[in-house]
């Protein structure tokens, strides 16, 4: 059974809001697994890029790619 992509994205976005800090593919995968999903690397990287394009994350490192959560206080 596959989960809707929107559900995975919503759960990862919620984790970024909740925990903040630095995010990479591995942390994103762990967060989605903790939420009960069976994520794929490629899809997780795309969600992180989408969150960065929306201003929730800022890229701080190119190799390996890492993002920092932006606080909306």
N, C-alpha and C. Protein backbone atom coordinates (compact mmCIF):
# COMPACT_ATOMS: atom_id res chain seq x y z
N UNK A 1 0.84 -1.19 0.00
CA UNK A 1 0.00 0.00 0.00
C UNK A 1 0.88 1.24 0.00
N UNK A 2 0.60 2.18 -0.87
CA UNK A 2 1.38 3.40 -0.92
C UNK A 2 0.60 4.53 -0.26
N UNK A 3 1.33 5.39 0.42
CA UNK A 3 0.69 6.52 1.08
C UNK A 3 0.60 7.68 0.10
N UNK A 4 -0.39 8.54 0.29
CA UNK A 4 -0.46 9.74 -0.55
C UNK A 4 0.77 10.62 -0.31
N UNK A 5 1.31 11.16 -1.39
CA UNK A 5 2.49 12.02 -1.28
C UNK A 5 2.20 13.23 -0.40
N UNK A 6 0.98 13.74 -0.46
CA UNK A 6 0.62 14.90 0.35
C UNK A 6 0.73 14.59 1.84
N UNK A 7 0.40 13.38 2.23
CA UNK A 7 0.48 12.98 3.63
C UNK A 7 1.93 12.93 4.09
N UNK A 8 2.82 12.39 3.26
CA UNK A 8 4.24 12.35 3.59
C UNK A 8 4.78 13.77 3.72
N UNK A 9 4.41 14.61 2.78
CA UNK A 9 4.88 15.98 2.80
C UNK A 9 4.39 16.71 4.04
N UNK A 10 3.13 16.53 4.37
CA UNK A 10 2.56 17.20 5.55
C UNK A 10 3.27 16.74 6.83
N UNK A 11 3.54 15.45 6.92
CA UNK A 11 4.22 14.94 8.11
C UNK A 11 5.65 15.44 8.20
N UNK A 12 6.36 15.54 7.07
CA UNK A 12 7.72 16.06 7.11
C UNK A 12 7.72 17.55 7.44
N UNK A 13 6.79 18.29 6.87
CA UNK A 13 6.68 19.71 7.18
C UNK A 13 6.40 19.92 8.67
N UNK A 14 5.53 19.11 9.22
CA UNK A 14 5.21 19.20 10.65
C UNK A 14 6.46 18.93 11.50
N UNK A 15 7.25 17.94 11.10
CA UNK A 15 8.47 17.62 11.84
C UNK A 15 9.47 18.78 11.77
N UNK A 16 9.60 19.40 10.62
CA UNK A 16 10.52 20.54 10.48
C UNK A 16 10.06 21.68 11.39
N UNK A 17 8.76 21.97 11.41
CA UNK A 17 8.23 23.01 12.29
C UNK A 17 8.47 22.66 13.76
N UNK A 18 8.26 21.42 14.11
CA UNK A 18 8.35 20.99 15.51
C UNK A 18 9.78 20.97 16.02
N UNK A 19 10.69 20.40 15.25
CA UNK A 19 12.05 20.17 15.73
C UNK A 19 13.08 21.20 15.28
N UNK A 20 12.83 21.87 14.14
CA UNK A 20 13.79 22.86 13.65
C UNK A 20 15.15 22.24 13.37
N UNK A 21 16.18 23.06 13.38
CA UNK A 21 17.55 22.57 13.22
C UNK A 21 17.92 22.26 11.78
N UNK A 22 18.94 21.42 11.64
CA UNK A 22 19.46 21.04 10.33
C UNK A 22 18.74 19.81 9.79
N UNK A 23 18.50 19.82 8.47
CA UNK A 23 17.79 18.72 7.82
C UNK A 23 18.55 18.26 6.59
N UNK A 24 18.65 16.95 6.45
CA UNK A 24 19.20 16.33 5.25
C UNK A 24 18.30 15.15 4.91
N UNK A 25 18.66 14.43 3.86
CA UNK A 25 17.82 13.32 3.42
C UNK A 25 17.62 12.29 4.53
N UNK A 26 18.69 11.94 5.23
CA UNK A 26 18.59 10.91 6.27
C UNK A 26 17.64 11.33 7.39
N UNK A 27 17.73 12.59 7.82
CA UNK A 27 16.84 13.05 8.88
C UNK A 27 15.39 13.09 8.38
N UNK A 28 15.21 13.49 7.14
CA UNK A 28 13.87 13.50 6.56
C UNK A 28 13.28 12.10 6.49
N UNK A 29 14.11 11.13 6.07
CA UNK A 29 13.65 9.74 6.01
C UNK A 29 13.25 9.24 7.39
N UNK A 30 14.09 9.53 8.40
CA UNK A 30 13.77 9.09 9.77
C UNK A 30 12.46 9.71 10.26
N UNK A 31 12.28 11.00 9.99
CA UNK A 31 11.06 11.68 10.44
C UNK A 31 9.82 11.07 9.79
N UNK A 32 9.92 10.75 8.50
CA UNK A 32 8.75 10.15 7.83
C UNK A 32 8.52 8.72 8.28
N UNK A 33 9.59 7.97 8.54
CA UNK A 33 9.42 6.61 9.07
C UNK A 33 8.78 6.66 10.45
N UNK A 34 9.22 7.61 11.27
CA UNK A 34 8.63 7.77 12.61
C UNK A 34 7.14 8.10 12.53
N UNK A 35 6.73 8.74 11.44
CA UNK A 35 5.32 9.09 11.24
C UNK A 35 4.54 7.94 10.60
N UNK A 36 5.22 6.81 10.34
CA UNK A 36 4.53 5.63 9.83
C UNK A 36 4.58 5.45 8.32
N UNK A 37 5.43 6.21 7.63
CA UNK A 37 5.53 6.09 6.18
C UNK A 37 6.69 5.17 5.79
N UNK A 38 6.71 4.79 4.54
CA UNK A 38 7.81 4.03 3.96
C UNK A 38 8.39 4.88 2.83
N UNK A 39 9.16 5.93 3.18
CA UNK A 39 9.58 6.92 2.18
C UNK A 39 10.72 6.43 1.30
N UNK A 40 10.85 7.07 0.15
CA UNK A 40 11.94 6.81 -0.79
C UNK A 40 12.89 8.02 -0.75
N UNK A 41 14.18 7.76 -0.93
CA UNK A 41 15.18 8.84 -0.90
C UNK A 41 14.84 9.97 -1.86
N UNK A 42 14.56 9.62 -3.10
CA UNK A 42 14.33 10.63 -4.14
C UNK A 42 13.12 11.51 -3.78
N UNK A 43 12.06 10.91 -3.32
CA UNK A 43 10.87 11.67 -2.96
C UNK A 43 11.15 12.56 -1.74
N UNK A 44 11.91 12.06 -0.79
CA UNK A 44 12.24 12.84 0.39
C UNK A 44 13.07 14.07 0.01
N UNK A 45 14.04 13.89 -0.88
CA UNK A 45 14.84 15.03 -1.34
C UNK A 45 13.96 16.06 -2.03
N UNK A 46 12.98 15.61 -2.81
CA UNK A 46 12.08 16.54 -3.50
C UNK A 46 11.24 17.33 -2.49
N UNK A 47 10.76 16.67 -1.47
CA UNK A 47 9.98 17.37 -0.44
C UNK A 47 10.85 18.43 0.24
N UNK A 48 12.09 18.08 0.57
CA UNK A 48 12.99 19.07 1.19
C UNK A 48 13.21 20.26 0.26
N UNK A 49 13.41 20.00 -1.04
CA UNK A 49 13.57 21.11 -1.99
C UNK A 49 12.31 21.97 -2.05
N UNK A 50 11.14 21.32 -2.04
CA UNK A 50 9.88 22.06 -2.06
C UNK A 50 9.73 22.94 -0.82
N UNK A 51 10.07 22.39 0.33
CA UNK A 51 9.97 23.17 1.58
C UNK A 51 10.95 24.34 1.54
N UNK A 52 12.11 24.16 0.94
CA UNK A 52 13.08 25.25 0.80
C UNK A 52 12.54 26.33 -0.15
N UNK A 53 11.91 25.91 -1.23
CA UNK A 53 11.38 26.89 -2.19
C UNK A 53 10.23 27.70 -1.58
N UNK A 54 9.59 27.14 -0.56
CA UNK A 54 8.50 27.85 0.12
C UNK A 54 8.99 28.67 1.31
N UNK A 55 10.30 28.61 1.59
CA UNK A 55 10.86 29.43 2.64
C UNK A 55 10.89 28.80 4.02
N UNK A 56 10.49 27.54 4.14
CA UNK A 56 10.51 26.88 5.45
C UNK A 56 11.92 26.40 5.79
N UNK A 57 12.71 26.10 4.77
CA UNK A 57 14.10 25.67 4.94
C UNK A 57 15.00 26.57 4.09
N UNK A 58 16.25 26.70 4.53
CA UNK A 58 17.26 27.43 3.77
C UNK A 58 18.44 26.51 3.57
N UNK A 59 18.91 26.38 2.32
CA UNK A 59 20.05 25.51 2.04
C UNK A 59 21.31 26.14 2.63
N UNK A 60 22.03 25.35 3.42
CA UNK A 60 23.25 25.86 4.06
C UNK A 60 24.50 25.11 3.60
N UNK A 61 24.32 24.01 2.89
CA UNK A 61 25.46 23.23 2.41
C UNK A 61 25.06 22.53 1.12
N UNK A 62 25.99 22.55 0.15
CA UNK A 62 25.69 21.94 -1.14
C UNK A 62 26.07 20.47 -1.23
N UNK A 63 27.13 20.04 -0.55
CA UNK A 63 27.53 18.65 -0.65
C UNK A 63 28.08 18.17 0.67
N UNK A 64 27.44 17.33 1.39
CA UNK A 64 26.08 16.85 1.11
C UNK A 64 25.07 17.97 1.35
N UNK A 65 23.95 17.88 0.68
CA UNK A 65 22.94 18.93 0.80
C UNK A 65 22.34 18.90 2.20
N UNK A 66 22.36 20.09 2.81
CA UNK A 66 21.77 20.26 4.15
C UNK A 66 20.99 21.55 4.16
N UNK A 67 19.91 21.54 4.91
CA UNK A 67 19.06 22.71 5.05
C UNK A 67 18.93 23.06 6.53
N UNK A 68 18.64 24.32 6.79
CA UNK A 68 18.35 24.76 8.14
C UNK A 68 16.93 25.25 8.19
N UNK A 69 16.21 24.87 9.23
CA UNK A 69 14.82 25.30 9.39
C UNK A 69 14.78 26.79 9.71
N UNK A 70 13.83 27.48 9.10
CA UNK A 70 13.62 28.91 9.35
C UNK A 70 12.53 29.02 10.41
N UNK A 71 12.82 29.75 11.45
CA UNK A 71 11.83 29.95 12.50
C UNK A 71 10.88 31.05 12.15
N UNK A 72 9.60 30.77 12.22
CA UNK A 72 8.56 31.78 11.94
C UNK A 72 7.92 32.18 13.27
N UNK A 73 8.69 32.91 14.09
CA UNK A 73 8.20 33.32 15.42
C UNK A 73 7.29 34.50 15.36
